[in-house]
């Protein structure tokens, strides 16, 4: 059974190089209330270059979700990164 999220934060991004990665760091940093520089490398969860390429080349509605730094990160082609933390 999936639990309802107890906190959600959302950050916009653009399709410029590296902005999706930056948006992920920003959203998780905001949720964690720390500087993005304090977060573990994104490569512990996903290949950042592949993530950027996926959305630069996508022509339709695309969404990818992955776990990072204790959060569920959702990147969607509507230029938004959403971070959720769930209550266990």
N, C-alpha and C. Protein backbone atom coordinates (compact mmCIF):
# COMPACT_ATOMS: atom_id res chain seq x y z
N UNK A 1 0.83 -1.18 0.00
CA UNK A 1 0.00 0.00 0.00
C UNK A 1 0.88 1.24 0.00
N UNK A 2 0.63 2.16 -0.93
CA UNK A 2 1.40 3.37 -1.02
C UNK A 2 0.83 4.41 -0.07
N UNK A 3 1.68 5.02 0.71
CA UNK A 3 1.26 6.02 1.68
C UNK A 3 1.16 7.38 1.01
N UNK A 4 0.35 8.23 1.53
CA UNK A 4 0.22 9.59 1.03
C UNK A 4 1.49 10.37 1.37
N UNK A 5 1.89 11.27 0.47
CA UNK A 5 3.07 12.07 0.78
C UNK A 5 2.80 12.99 1.97
N UNK A 6 3.82 13.17 2.79
CA UNK A 6 3.69 14.07 3.94
C UNK A 6 4.25 15.45 3.61
N UNK A 7 5.03 15.54 2.56
CA UNK A 7 5.56 16.83 2.13
C UNK A 7 5.87 16.77 0.65
N UNK A 8 5.61 17.87 -0.04
CA UNK A 8 5.88 17.94 -1.47
C UNK A 8 6.45 19.32 -1.77
N UNK A 9 7.46 19.38 -2.62
CA UNK A 9 7.98 20.64 -3.11
C UNK A 9 8.17 20.51 -4.61
N UNK A 10 8.05 21.62 -5.31
CA UNK A 10 8.13 21.58 -6.76
C UNK A 10 9.00 22.73 -7.24
N UNK A 11 9.82 22.46 -8.25
CA UNK A 11 10.74 23.45 -8.79
C UNK A 11 10.67 23.44 -10.32
N UNK A 12 10.51 24.60 -10.95
CA UNK A 12 10.49 24.63 -12.42
C UNK A 12 11.90 24.51 -12.99
N UNK A 13 11.99 24.09 -14.24
CA UNK A 13 13.27 24.06 -14.96
C UNK A 13 13.03 24.46 -16.39
N UNK A 14 14.10 24.71 -17.12
CA UNK A 14 14.00 24.98 -18.55
C UNK A 14 14.80 23.90 -19.26
N UNK A 15 14.74 23.89 -20.57
CA UNK A 15 15.43 22.85 -21.32
C UNK A 15 16.86 23.24 -21.68
N UNK A 16 17.40 24.24 -21.03
CA UNK A 16 18.80 24.60 -21.23
C UNK A 16 19.68 23.52 -20.60
N UNK A 17 20.91 23.34 -21.10
CA UNK A 17 21.79 22.30 -20.55
C UNK A 17 21.96 22.39 -19.04
N UNK A 18 21.88 21.26 -18.39
CA UNK A 18 22.11 21.07 -16.95
C UNK A 18 21.04 21.67 -16.05
N UNK A 19 19.99 22.25 -16.58
CA UNK A 19 19.01 22.88 -15.70
C UNK A 19 18.12 21.86 -15.00
N UNK A 20 17.89 20.70 -15.58
CA UNK A 20 17.10 19.68 -14.91
C UNK A 20 17.86 19.19 -13.68
N UNK A 21 19.13 18.91 -13.86
CA UNK A 21 19.96 18.48 -12.74
C UNK A 21 19.97 19.54 -11.64
N UNK A 22 20.13 20.80 -12.02
CA UNK A 22 20.13 21.89 -11.05
C UNK A 22 18.79 21.98 -10.34
N UNK A 23 17.69 21.77 -11.07
CA UNK A 23 16.36 21.81 -10.46
C UNK A 23 16.18 20.68 -9.46
N UNK A 24 16.71 19.49 -9.77
CA UNK A 24 16.64 18.37 -8.82
C UNK A 24 17.38 18.73 -7.54
N UNK A 25 18.61 19.24 -7.68
CA UNK A 25 19.38 19.65 -6.49
C UNK A 25 18.64 20.72 -5.70
N UNK A 26 18.09 21.70 -6.39
CA UNK A 26 17.38 22.79 -5.73
C UNK A 26 16.15 22.29 -4.99
N UNK A 27 15.34 21.45 -5.64
CA UNK A 27 14.12 20.94 -5.02
C UNK A 27 14.42 20.07 -3.80
N UNK A 28 15.40 19.18 -3.93
CA UNK A 28 15.75 18.31 -2.80
C UNK A 28 16.40 19.14 -1.68
N UNK A 29 17.24 20.09 -2.05
CA UNK A 29 17.84 20.97 -1.05
C UNK A 29 16.77 21.76 -0.28
N UNK A 30 15.77 22.26 -1.01
CA UNK A 30 14.67 22.97 -0.35
C UNK A 30 13.91 22.05 0.60
N UNK A 31 13.61 20.84 0.14
CA UNK A 31 12.88 19.89 0.98
C UNK A 31 13.68 19.51 2.22
N UNK A 32 14.99 19.38 2.04
CA UNK A 32 15.87 18.96 3.12
C UNK A 32 16.30 20.16 4.00
N UNK A 33 16.05 21.36 3.48
CA UNK A 33 16.45 22.61 4.14
C UNK A 33 17.96 22.69 4.31
N UNK A 34 18.66 22.32 3.22
CA UNK A 34 20.12 22.42 3.19
C UNK A 34 20.53 23.00 1.84
N UNK A 35 21.76 23.42 1.77
CA UNK A 35 22.31 23.88 0.50
C UNK A 35 22.42 22.68 -0.45
N UNK A 36 22.11 22.87 -1.72
CA UNK A 36 22.30 21.78 -2.68
C UNK A 36 23.73 21.23 -2.69
N UNK A 37 24.69 22.06 -2.28
CA UNK A 37 26.08 21.62 -2.23
C UNK A 37 26.32 20.56 -1.17
N UNK A 38 25.40 20.43 -0.22
CA UNK A 38 25.52 19.45 0.86
C UNK A 38 24.94 18.09 0.49
N UNK A 39 24.30 17.99 -0.68
CA UNK A 39 23.65 16.74 -1.08
C UNK A 39 24.66 15.78 -1.70
N UNK A 40 24.34 14.50 -1.63
CA UNK A 40 25.18 13.49 -2.27
C UNK A 40 25.11 13.65 -3.79
N UNK A 41 26.10 13.16 -4.52
CA UNK A 41 26.08 13.28 -5.97
C UNK A 41 24.83 12.62 -6.57
N UNK A 42 24.28 13.25 -7.59
CA UNK A 42 23.08 12.72 -8.23
C UNK A 42 23.36 11.36 -8.88
N UNK A 43 24.60 11.10 -9.20
CA UNK A 43 24.96 9.82 -9.82
C UNK A 43 24.70 8.63 -8.91
N UNK A 44 24.45 8.88 -7.63
CA UNK A 44 24.10 7.78 -6.73
C UNK A 44 22.70 7.26 -7.01
N UNK A 45 21.91 8.04 -7.78
CA UNK A 45 20.53 7.67 -8.06
C UNK A 45 20.23 7.49 -9.54
N UNK A 46 20.86 8.31 -10.39
CA UNK A 46 20.53 8.33 -11.81
C UNK A 46 21.68 8.96 -12.58
N UNK A 47 21.79 8.64 -13.85
CA UNK A 47 22.81 9.24 -14.71
C UNK A 47 22.32 10.64 -15.12
N UNK A 48 22.95 11.71 -14.61
CA UNK A 48 22.48 13.06 -14.90
C UNK A 48 22.49 13.40 -16.39
N UNK A 49 23.50 12.93 -17.13
CA UNK A 49 23.57 13.22 -18.56
C UNK A 49 22.41 12.56 -19.30
N UNK A 50 22.09 11.33 -18.93
CA UNK A 50 20.96 10.63 -19.56
C UNK A 50 19.65 11.32 -19.22
N UNK A 51 19.51 11.80 -17.99
CA UNK A 51 18.31 12.51 -17.58
C UNK A 51 18.12 13.77 -18.42
N UNK A 52 19.18 14.55 -18.54
CA UNK A 52 19.12 15.78 -19.36
C UNK A 52 18.79 15.45 -20.81
N UNK A 53 19.45 14.43 -21.37
CA UNK A 53 19.24 14.07 -22.78
C UNK A 53 17.82 13.59 -23.03
N UNK A 54 17.27 12.84 -22.08
CA UNK A 54 15.91 12.33 -22.24
C UNK A 54 14.91 13.46 -22.47
N UNK A 55 15.02 14.51 -21.69
CA UNK A 55 14.05 15.60 -21.81
C UNK A 55 14.38 16.57 -22.93
N UNK A 56 15.64 16.67 -23.34
CA UNK A 56 15.98 17.51 -24.48
C UNK A 56 15.50 16.90 -25.79
N UNK A 57 15.44 15.57 -25.86
CA UNK A 57 15.07 14.90 -27.10
C UNK A 57 13.64 14.39 -27.12
N UNK A 58 12.94 14.48 -26.02
CA UNK A 58 11.57 13.98 -25.93
C UNK A 58 10.62 14.86 -26.74
N UNK A 59 9.71 14.22 -27.46
CA UNK A 59 8.73 14.98 -28.24
C UNK A 59 7.32 14.85 -27.67
N UNK A 60 7.14 14.02 -26.68
CA UNK A 60 5.81 13.83 -26.10
C UNK A 60 5.85 14.01 -24.60
N UNK A 61 4.75 13.70 -23.97
CA UNK A 61 4.67 13.78 -22.51
C UNK A 61 5.58 12.71 -21.90
N UNK A 62 6.52 13.15 -21.10
CA UNK A 62 7.50 12.25 -20.49
C UNK A 62 7.58 12.53 -19.01
N UNK A 63 7.64 11.47 -18.23
CA UNK A 63 7.82 11.57 -16.78
C UNK A 63 8.76 10.47 -16.34
N UNK A 64 9.68 10.81 -15.48
CA UNK A 64 10.56 9.81 -14.89
C UNK A 64 10.60 10.05 -13.38
N UNK A 65 10.57 8.97 -12.63
CA UNK A 65 10.65 9.05 -11.17
C UNK A 65 11.82 8.21 -10.69
N UNK A 66 12.47 8.70 -9.64
CA UNK A 66 13.57 7.96 -9.03
C UNK A 66 13.72 8.40 -7.59
N UNK A 67 14.36 7.56 -6.79
CA UNK A 67 14.62 7.86 -5.39
C UNK A 67 15.99 8.51 -5.28
N UNK A 68 16.05 9.58 -4.50
CA UNK A 68 17.31 10.30 -4.30
C UNK A 68 17.30 10.99 -2.94
N UNK A 69 18.29 10.72 -2.16
CA UNK A 69 18.52 11.39 -0.86
C UNK A 69 17.30 11.24 0.06
N UNK A 70 16.63 10.11 -0.04
CA UNK A 70 15.48 9.85 0.82
C UNK A 70 14.17 10.42 0.31
N UNK A 71 14.14 10.90 -0.92
CA UNK A 71 12.94 11.49 -1.51
C UNK A 71 12.59 10.77 -2.81
N UNK A 72 11.34 10.88 -3.21
CA UNK A 72 10.89 10.40 -4.51
C UNK A 72 10.86 11.62 -5.42
N UNK A 73 11.69 11.62 -6.45
CA UNK A 73 11.83 12.75 -7.37
C UNK A 73 11.09 12.41 -8.65
N UNK A 74 10.25 13.33 -9.11
CA UNK A 74 9.51 13.16 -10.36
C UNK A 74 9.88 14.33 -11.27
N UNK A 75 10.44 14.01 -12.43
CA UNK A 75 10.76 15.01 -13.44
C UNK A 75 9.78 14.81 -14.59
N UNK A 76 9.10 15.86 -14.97
CA UNK A 76 8.11 15.73 -16.04
C UNK A 76 8.38 16.73 -17.16
N UNK A 77 7.88 16.40 -18.33
CA UNK A 77 8.13 17.24 -19.50
C UNK A 77 7.38 18.57 -19.45
N UNK A 78 6.58 18.80 -18.43
CA UNK A 78 5.95 20.11 -18.27
C UNK A 78 6.89 21.09 -17.54
N UNK A 79 8.18 20.75 -17.56
CA UNK A 79 9.26 21.57 -17.01
C UNK A 79 9.12 21.80 -15.51
N UNK A 80 8.85 20.70 -14.80
CA UNK A 80 8.71 20.76 -13.35
C UNK A 80 9.36 19.54 -12.71
N UNK A 81 10.07 19.77 -11.60
CA UNK A 81 10.62 18.72 -10.77
C UNK A 81 9.85 18.73 -9.46
N UNK A 82 9.27 17.61 -9.10
CA UNK A 82 8.51 17.49 -7.86
C UNK A 82 9.21 16.50 -6.95
N UNK A 83 9.34 16.86 -5.69
CA UNK A 83 10.01 16.03 -4.70
C UNK A 83 9.00 15.70 -3.62
N UNK A 84 8.88 14.41 -3.30
CA UNK A 84 7.94 13.97 -2.27
C UNK A 84 8.67 13.14 -1.23
N UNK A 85 8.26 13.32 0.00
CA UNK A 85 8.71 12.44 1.07
C UNK A 85 7.47 11.75 1.61
N UNK A 86 7.58 10.46 1.83
CA UNK A 86 6.44 9.69 2.28
C UNK A 86 6.58 9.30 3.73
N UNK A 87 5.47 9.21 4.41
CA UNK A 87 5.41 8.74 5.79
C UNK A 87 5.39 7.22 5.76
N UNK A 88 6.31 6.57 6.42
CA UNK A 88 6.37 5.10 6.40
C UNK A 88 5.32 4.46 7.22
